[in-house]
Protein backbone atom coordinates (compact mmCIF):
# COMPACT_ATOMS: atom_id res chain seq x y z
CA UNK A 1 0.00 0.00 0.00
CA UNK A 2 1.51 3.34 -0.98
CA UNK A 3 2.13 5.87 1.75
CA UNK A 4 2.53 9.64 1.76
CA UNK A 5 6.00 9.42 3.28
CA UNK A 6 9.08 8.95 1.13
CA UNK A 7 12.34 7.16 1.86
CA UNK A 8 15.57 8.63 0.55
CA UNK A 9 15.78 5.97 -2.18
CA UNK A 10 12.27 6.91 -3.35
CA UNK A 11 13.26 10.49 -4.19
CA UNK A 12 15.21 11.97 -7.05
CA UNK A 13 16.17 15.55 -7.82
CA UNK A 14 14.60 16.94 -10.98
CA UNK A 15 18.04 17.53 -12.50
CA UNK A 16 18.92 13.85 -12.06
CA UNK A 17 16.00 12.76 -14.22
CA UNK A 18 17.98 13.69 -17.34
CA UNK A 19 20.71 11.24 -16.38
CA UNK A 20 18.30 8.34 -15.75
CA UNK A 21 17.63 6.02 -18.64
CA UNK A 22 14.36 4.16 -19.11
CA UNK A 23 15.75 0.95 -17.63
CA UNK A 24 16.89 2.71 -14.45
CA UNK A 25 13.56 4.51 -14.06
CA UNK A 26 11.55 1.31 -14.52
CA UNK A 27 13.88 -0.53 -12.10
CA UNK A 28 13.37 2.20 -9.52
CA UNK A 29 9.57 1.89 -9.91
CA UNK A 30 9.82 -1.91 -9.58
CA UNK A 31 11.83 -1.53 -6.36
CA UNK A 32 9.63 1.20 -4.84
CA UNK A 33 5.90 1.99 -4.82
CA UNK A 34 6.57 5.51 -6.02
CA UNK A 35 9.28 7.92 -7.08
CA UNK A 36 9.19 11.44 -5.69
CA UNK A 37 10.63 14.28 -7.76
CA UNK A 38 12.30 17.07 -5.80
CA UNK A 39 12.29 20.54 -7.33
CA UNK A 40 13.96 23.44 -5.47
CA UNK A 41 14.33 21.38 -2.26
CA UNK A 42 10.64 20.54 -2.24
CA UNK A 43 8.92 17.26 -3.06
CA UNK A 44 6.82 18.46 -5.99
CA UNK A 45 5.69 15.48 -8.05
CA UNK A 46 5.31 11.72 -7.93
CA UNK A 47 5.81 9.06 -10.59
CA UNK A 48 3.85 5.82 -10.21
CA UNK A 49 3.86 2.52 -12.05
CA UNK A 50 0.83 2.49 -14.40
CA UNK A 51 -0.73 -0.61 -12.80
CA UNK A 52 -0.50 0.99 -9.35
CA UNK A 53 -1.97 4.22 -10.70
CA UNK A 54 -4.89 2.34 -12.30
CA UNK A 55 -5.50 0.48 -9.02
CA UNK A 56 -5.57 3.81 -7.14
CA UNK A 57 -8.03 5.30 -9.64
CA UNK A 58 -10.26 2.21 -9.35
CA UNK A 59 -10.15 2.44 -5.54
CA UNK A 60 -11.07 6.15 -5.64
CA UNK A 61 -13.95 5.46 -8.05
CA UNK A 62 -15.19 2.66 -5.78
CA UNK A 63 -14.94 4.96 -2.76
CA UNK A 64 -16.88 7.71 -4.54
CA UNK A 65 -19.66 5.28 -5.54
CA UNK A 66 -19.83 4.01 -1.96
CA UNK A 67 -20.00 7.60 -0.69
CA UNK A 68 -22.87 8.36 -3.11
CA UNK A 69 -24.76 5.27 -1.93
CA UNK A 70 -24.26 6.28 1.68
CA UNK A 71 -25.56 9.79 0.99
CA UNK A 72 -28.57 8.34 -0.86
CA UNK A 73 -29.27 5.97 2.02
CA UNK A 74 -29.06 8.81 4.56
CA UNK A 75 -31.42 10.93 2.45
CA UNK A 76 -33.85 8.01 2.11
CA UNK A 77 -33.79 7.49 5.88
CA UNK A 78 -34.46 11.19 6.48
CA UNK A 79 -37.38 11.18 4.04
CA UNK A 80 -38.74 7.95 5.47
CA UNK A 81 -38.56 9.35 9.00
CA UNK A 82 -40.23 12.58 7.87
CA UNK A 83 -43.01 10.58 6.21
CA UNK A 84 -43.50 8.55 9.38
CA UNK A 85 -43.67 11.67 11.52
CA UNK A 86 -46.21 13.27 9.20
CA UNK A 87 -48.47 10.18 9.10
CA UNK A 88 -51.40 10.15 11.50
CA UNK A 89 -51.09 7.64 14.32
CA UNK A 90 -54.35 5.95 13.34
CA UNK A 91 -52.67 4.94 10.04
CA UNK A 92 -49.67 3.31 11.73
CA UNK A 93 -49.40 -0.44 11.52
CA UNK A 94 -49.39 -2.30 14.77
CA UNK A 95 -46.96 -5.10 15.55
CA UNK A 96 -48.97 -8.19 16.50
CA UNK A 97 -48.74 -8.93 20.21
CA UNK A 98 -47.45 -12.46 19.59
CA UNK A 99 -44.62 -11.35 17.23
CA UNK A 100 -41.25 -9.83 17.99
CA UNK A 101 -40.40 -6.61 16.23
CA UNK A 102 -37.62 -8.32 14.24
CA UNK A 103 -39.91 -11.17 13.11
CA UNK A 104 -42.56 -8.66 12.08
CA UNK A 105 -40.00 -6.62 10.11
CA UNK A 106 -38.80 -9.78 8.34
CA UNK A 107 -42.36 -10.60 7.24
CA UNK A 108 -42.83 -6.99 6.06
CA UNK A 109 -39.66 -7.16 3.97
CA UNK A 110 -40.83 -10.40 2.37
CA UNK A 111 -44.12 -8.82 1.21
Foldseek 3Di string as FASTA:
>chain_A
DDDPDDDPLQEDEPVCVVVDDPVRVVVSQVVDQWHFYDYPNRRDDIDGDPVSVVVVVVVVVVVVVVVVVVVVVVVVVVVVVVVVVPDDPVPDDDDDPVDDPVVVVVVVVVD
